[in-house]
Amino acid sequence: MPASMRAQIAERNKKRRLYQRTRDPNHLAEMKSLSAEINNKVAQHRNEVYANRLDEINQEEVAETIADRFRRYHEMPPSDDETHNMVQSTISGFLLQNPIHPMNALGLLTSPRKVREIISRTPSTKAPDPDNIQNLLLKNVPRKTVQLTVIINGILRL
């Protein structure tokens, strides 16, 4: 931070202390105008620093780093044929012994009762998820709305 900005901050702090001692509205007005000026200068300084950092960054290195990370995260792990075959045979045997709808095997189908249970267990004061739907709102949803699970399950079965 430039020395001139630090000096302005020190001046504003002196004005604040003076106002706190005297409660003179003129000192308050001076302090507020200095604060606004300092805030503008600090924002401008931050933008300049950020712009300078962006200019210094080599865009090709950034792109290569992002591409490497993407490759690492989306790489398939090495395949072990013996393990793969064992898992496949176990799943096949289970599905033969326990015939169920293929969508239920994947855990895609649910019932309105299960949805109501999940909604009732969520704490009302918990912060909303990224969808920004408050839990209190979900708890007060009409029963007909929860019945939509029947329609969604029907669509998934198609």
C-alpha atoms as a PDB file:
ATOM      1  CA  MET A   1       0.000   0.000   0.000  1.00  0.00           C
ATOM      2  CA  PRO A   2       1.443   3.394  -0.953  1.00  0.00           C
ATOM      3  CA  ALA A   3       2.682   5.706   1.792  1.00  0.00           C
ATOM      4  CA  SER A   4       0.206   8.432   0.794  1.00  0.00           C
ATOM      5  CA  MET A   5      -2.684   6.032   1.425  1.00  0.00           C
ATOM      6  CA  ARG A   6      -1.251   5.061   4.824  1.00  0.00           C
ATOM      7  CA  ALA A   7      -0.971   8.751   5.711  1.00  0.00           C
ATOM      8  CA  GLN A   8      -4.609   9.281   4.730  1.00  0.00           C
ATOM      9  CA  ILE A   9      -5.670   6.348   6.893  1.00  0.00           C
ATOM     10  CA  ALA A  10      -3.739   7.806   9.835  1.00  0.00           C
ATOM     11  CA  GLU A  11      -5.457  11.159   9.246  1.00  0.00           C
ATOM     12  CA  ARG A  12      -8.873   9.489   9.170  1.00  0.00           C
ATOM     13  CA  ASN A  13      -8.111   7.676  12.419  1.00  0.00           C
ATOM     14  CA  LYS A  14      -7.150  11.017  14.037  1.00  0.00           C
ATOM     15  CA  LYS A  15     -10.455  12.505  12.856  1.00  0.00           C
ATOM     16  CA  ARG A  16     -12.319   9.511  14.289  1.00  0.00           C
ATOM     17  CA  ARG A  17     -10.635   9.868  17.684  1.00  0.00           C
ATOM     18  CA  LEU A  18     -11.326  13.605  17.659  1.00  0.00           C
ATOM     19  CA  TYR A  19     -14.992  12.994  16.848  1.00  0.00           C
ATOM     20  CA  GLN A  20     -15.259  10.364  19.591  1.00  0.00           C
ATOM     21  CA  ARG A  21     -13.897  12.843  22.121  1.00  0.00           C
ATOM     22  CA  THR A  22     -15.898  15.886  21.027  1.00  0.00           C
ATOM     23  CA  ARG A  23     -18.974  14.426  19.255  1.00  0.00           C
ATOM     24  CA  ASP A  24     -18.757  17.377  16.876  1.00  0.00           C
ATOM     25  CA  PRO A  25     -20.765  16.610  13.681  1.00  0.00           C
ATOM     26  CA  ASN A  26     -18.182  18.470  11.576  1.00  0.00           C
ATOM     27  CA  HIS A  27     -15.478  15.988  12.627  1.00  0.00           C
ATOM     28  CA  LEU A  28     -17.822  13.122  11.792  1.00  0.00           C
ATOM     29  CA  ALA A  29     -18.477  14.535   8.316  1.00  0.00           C
ATOM     30  CA  GLU A  30     -14.718  14.977   7.712  1.00  0.00           C
ATOM     31  CA  MET A  31     -14.042  11.426   8.882  1.00  0.00           C
ATOM     32  CA  LYS A  32     -16.782   9.989   6.642  1.00  0.00           C
ATOM     33  CA  SER A  33     -15.548  11.850   3.574  1.00  0.00           C
ATOM     34  CA  LEU A  34     -11.990  10.666   4.255  1.00  0.00           C
ATOM     35  CA  SER A  35     -13.256   7.095   4.695  1.00  0.00           C
ATOM     36  CA  ALA A  36     -15.090   7.204   1.374  1.00  0.00           C
ATOM     37  CA  GLU A  37     -12.018   8.595  -0.379  1.00  0.00           C
ATOM     38  CA  ILE A  38      -9.798   5.939   1.218  1.00  0.00           C
ATOM     39  CA  ASN A  39     -12.209   3.155   0.241  1.00  0.00           C
ATOM     40  CA  ASN A  40     -12.149   4.316  -3.378  1.00  0.00           C
ATOM     41  CA  LYS A  41      -8.353   4.505  -3.409  1.00  0.00           C
ATOM     42  CA  VAL A  42      -7.997   1.074  -1.779  1.00  0.00           C
ATOM     43  CA  ALA A  43     -10.352  -0.470  -4.339  1.00  0.00           C
ATOM     44  CA  GLN A  44      -8.461   1.196  -7.164  1.00  0.00           C
ATOM     45  CA  HIS A  45      -5.134   0.004  -5.712  1.00  0.00           C
ATOM     46  CA  ARG A  46      -6.406  -3.583  -5.400  1.00  0.00           C
ATOM     47  CA  ASN A  47      -7.626  -3.525  -9.001  1.00  0.00           C
ATOM     48  CA  GLU A  48      -4.238  -2.274 -10.182  1.00  0.00           C
ATOM     49  CA  VAL A  49      -2.390  -4.967  -8.214  1.00  0.00           C
ATOM     50  CA  TYR A  50      -4.730  -7.632  -9.609  1.00  0.00           C
ATOM     51  CA  ALA A  51      -4.296  -6.350 -13.170  1.00  0.00           C
ATOM     52  CA  ASN A  52      -0.510  -6.380 -12.759  1.00  0.00           C
ATOM     53  CA  ARG A  53      -0.594  -9.965 -11.479  1.00  0.00           C
ATOM     54  CA  LEU A  54      -2.719 -11.009 -14.440  1.00  0.00           C
ATOM     55  CA  ASP A  55      -0.247  -9.391 -16.814  1.00  0.00           C
ATOM     56  CA  GLU A  56       2.612 -11.322 -15.202  1.00  0.00           C
ATOM     57  CA  ILE A  57       0.920 -14.713 -15.519  1.00  0.00           C
ATOM     58  CA  ASN A  58       1.898 -16.766 -18.541  1.00  0.00           C
ATOM     59  CA  GLN A  59      -1.426 -17.839 -20.056  1.00  0.00           C
ATOM     60  CA  GLU A  60       0.074 -20.901 -21.747  1.00  0.00           C
ATOM     61  CA  GLU A  61       1.383 -22.247 -18.422  1.00  0.00           C
ATOM     62  CA  VAL A  62      -2.022 -21.729 -16.823  1.00  0.00           C
ATOM     63  CA  ALA A  63      -3.781 -23.545 -19.666  1.00  0.00           C
ATOM     64  CA  GLU A  64      -1.314 -26.439 -19.487  1.00  0.00           C
ATOM     65  CA  THR A  65      -1.720 -26.719 -15.698  1.00  0.00           C
ATOM     66  CA  ILE A  66      -5.511 -26.819 -15.994  1.00  0.00           C
ATOM     67  CA  ALA A  67      -5.306 -29.410 -18.789  1.00  0.00           C
ATOM     68  CA  ASP A  68      -2.956 -31.616 -16.717  1.00  0.00           C
ATOM     69  CA  ARG A  69      -5.243 -31.439 -13.689  1.00  0.00           C
ATOM     70  CA  PHE A  70      -8.271 -32.257 -15.851  1.00  0.00           C
ATOM     71  CA  ARG A  71      -6.459 -35.274 -17.330  1.00  0.00           C
ATOM     72  CA  ARG A  72      -5.436 -36.530 -13.871  1.00  0.00           C
ATOM     73  CA  TYR A  73      -8.926 -36.251 -12.420  1.00  0.00           C
ATOM     74  CA  HIS A  74     -10.632 -37.887 -15.382  1.00  0.00           C
ATOM     75  CA  GLU A  75      -8.210 -40.736 -15.963  1.00  0.00           C
ATOM     76  CA  MET A  76      -9.600 -44.215 -15.575  1.00  0.00           C
ATOM     77  CA  PRO A  77      -7.675 -46.244 -13.008  1.00  0.00           C
ATOM     78  CA  PRO A  78      -5.688 -49.163 -14.355  1.00  0.00           C
ATOM     79  CA  SER A  79      -7.974 -52.135 -14.975  1.00  0.00           C
ATOM     80  CA  ASP A  80      -7.453 -55.402 -13.168  1.00  0.00           C
ATOM     81  CA  ASP A  81      -9.266 -58.069 -15.226  1.00  0.00           C
ATOM     82  CA  GLU A  82      -9.465 -60.532 -12.346  1.00  0.00           C
ATOM     83  CA  THR A  83     -11.098 -57.998 -10.012  1.00  0.00           C
ATOM     84  CA  HIS A  84     -13.404 -56.774 -12.758  1.00  0.00           C
ATOM     85  CA  ASN A  85     -14.587 -60.310 -13.526  1.00  0.00           C
ATOM     86  CA  MET A  86     -15.121 -61.083  -9.835  1.00  0.00           C
ATOM     87  CA  VAL A  87     -17.239 -57.929  -9.344  1.00  0.00           C
ATOM     88  CA  GLN A  88     -19.284 -58.643 -12.475  1.00  0.00           C
ATOM     89  CA  SER A  89     -19.992 -62.237 -11.428  1.00  0.00           C
ATOM     90  CA  THR A  90     -20.962 -61.145  -7.902  1.00  0.00           C
ATOM     91  CA  ILE A  91     -23.364 -58.526  -9.228  1.00  0.00           C
ATOM     92  CA  SER A  92     -24.839 -60.921 -11.777  1.00  0.00           C
ATOM     93  CA  GLY A  93     -25.348 -63.593  -9.105  1.00  0.00           C
ATOM     94  CA  PHE A  94     -27.021 -61.124  -6.774  1.00  0.00           C
ATOM     95  CA  LEU A  95     -29.367 -59.850  -9.477  1.00  0.00           C
ATOM     96  CA  LEU A  96     -30.324 -63.429 -10.443  1.00  0.00           C
ATOM     97  CA  GLN A  97     -31.158 -64.299  -6.822  1.00  0.00           C
ATOM     98  CA  ASN A  98     -32.960 -60.988  -6.136  1.00  0.00           C
ATOM     99  CA  PRO A  99     -34.928 -59.944  -9.216  1.00  0.00           C
ATOM    100  CA  ILE A 100     -35.682 -56.242  -8.975  1.00  0.00           C
ATOM    101  CA  HIS A 101     -36.432 -53.485 -11.404  1.00  0.00           C
ATOM    102  CA  PRO A 102     -33.173 -52.370 -13.112  1.00  0.00           C
ATOM    103  CA  MET A 103     -33.801 -48.747 -12.168  1.00  0.00           C
ATOM    104  CA  ASN A 104     -34.147 -49.697  -8.511  1.00  0.00           C
ATOM    105  CA  ALA A 105     -30.862 -51.603  -8.779  1.00  0.00           C
ATOM    106  CA  LEU A 106     -29.246 -48.306  -9.638  1.00  0.00           C
ATOM    107  CA  GLY A 107     -31.036 -46.551  -6.780  1.00  0.00           C
ATOM    108  CA  LEU A 108     -32.883 -44.189  -9.120  1.00  0.00           C
ATOM    109  CA  LEU A 109     -36.453 -44.937  -7.984  1.00  0.00           C
ATOM    110  CA  THR A 110     -37.908 -43.772  -4.693  1.00  0.00           C
ATOM    111  CA  SER A 111     -41.251 -43.481  -2.959  1.00  0.00           C
ATOM    112  CA  PRO A 112     -43.143 -40.412  -1.747  1.00  0.00           C
ATOM    113  CA  ARG A 113     -42.879 -41.740   1.809  1.00  0.00           C
ATOM    114  CA  LYS A 114     -39.082 -41.914   1.561  1.00  0.00           C
ATOM    115  CA  VAL A 115     -38.970 -38.338   0.233  1.00  0.00           C
ATOM    116  CA  ARG A 116     -41.170 -37.140   3.126  1.00  0.00           C
ATOM    117  CA  GLU A 117     -38.932 -38.978   5.633  1.00  0.00           C
ATOM    118  CA  ILE A 118     -35.804 -37.346   4.233  1.00  0.00           C
ATOM    119  CA  ILE A 119     -37.410 -33.902   4.251  1.00  0.00           C
ATOM    120  CA  SER A 120     -38.672 -34.350   7.822  1.00  0.00           C
ATOM    121  CA  ARG A 121     -35.196 -35.369   9.054  1.00  0.00           C
ATOM    122  CA  THR A 122     -33.458 -32.285   7.668  1.00  0.00           C
ATOM    123  CA  PRO A 123     -32.853 -29.608  10.299  1.00  0.00           C
ATOM    124  CA  SER A 124     -34.978 -26.494   9.732  1.00  0.00           C
ATOM    125  CA  THR A 125     -32.178 -24.090  10.642  1.00  0.00           C
ATOM    126  CA  LYS A 126     -29.543 -25.624   8.373  1.00  0.00           C
ATOM    127  CA  ALA A 127     -28.155 -23.347   5.674  1.00  0.00           C
ATOM    128  CA  PRO A 128     -29.610 -23.981   2.212  1.00  0.00           C
ATOM    129  CA  ASP A 129     -27.766 -26.078  -0.330  1.00  0.00           C
ATOM    130  CA  PRO A 130     -26.422 -24.500  -3.535  1.00  0.00           C
ATOM    131  CA  ASP A 131     -29.976 -24.533  -4.929  1.00  0.00           C
ATOM    132  CA  ASN A 132     -30.847 -21.901  -2.245  1.00  0.00           C
ATOM    133  CA  ILE A 133     -34.045 -23.682  -1.204  1.00  0.00           C
ATOM    134  CA  GLN A 134     -34.573 -23.253   2.537  1.00  0.00           C
ATOM    135  CA  ASN A 135     -35.264 -26.461   4.497  1.00  0.00           C
ATOM    136  CA  LEU A 136     -38.168 -24.785   6.267  1.00  0.00           C
ATOM    137  CA  LEU A 137     -39.764 -24.208   2.866  1.00  0.00           C
ATOM    138  CA  LEU A 138     -39.271 -27.883   1.940  1.00  0.00           C
ATOM    139  CA  LYS A 139     -40.871 -28.992   5.204  1.00  0.00           C
ATOM    140  CA  ASN A 140     -43.994 -26.977   4.359  1.00  0.00           C
ATOM    141  CA  VAL A 141     -44.355 -28.276   0.787  1.00  0.00           C
ATOM    142  CA  PRO A 142     -47.859 -29.631   0.056  1.00  0.00           C
ATOM    143  CA  ARG A 143     -48.221 -33.429  -0.038  1.00  0.00           C
ATOM    144  CA  LYS A 144     -49.188 -33.292  -3.713  1.00  0.00           C
ATOM    145  CA  THR A 145     -45.745 -31.920  -4.530  1.00  0.00           C
ATOM    146  CA  VAL A 146     -44.090 -34.949  -2.936  1.00  0.00           C
ATOM    147  CA  GLN A 147     -46.372 -37.165  -5.043  1.00  0.00           C
ATOM    148  CA  LEU A 148     -44.395 -35.959  -8.082  1.00  0.00           C
ATOM    149  CA  THR A 149     -41.955 -38.761  -7.266  1.00  0.00           C
ATOM    150  CA  VAL A 150     -44.502 -41.193  -8.751  1.00  0.00           C
ATOM    151  CA  ILE A 151     -44.421 -39.300 -12.058  1.00  0.00           C
ATOM    152  CA  ILE A 152     -40.615 -39.021 -12.035  1.00  0.00           C
ATOM    153  CA  ASN A 153     -40.276 -42.762 -11.299  1.00  0.00           C
ATOM    154  CA  GLY A 154     -42.636 -43.477 -14.234  1.00  0.00           C
ATOM    155  CA  ILE A 155     -40.472 -41.394 -16.531  1.00  0.00           C
ATOM    156  CA  LEU A 156     -37.322 -43.169 -15.371  1.00  0.00           C
ATOM    157  CA  ARG A 157     -38.879 -46.563 -16.028  1.00  0.00           C
ATOM    158  CA  LEU A 158     -39.438 -45.689 -19.704  1.00  0.00           C
END
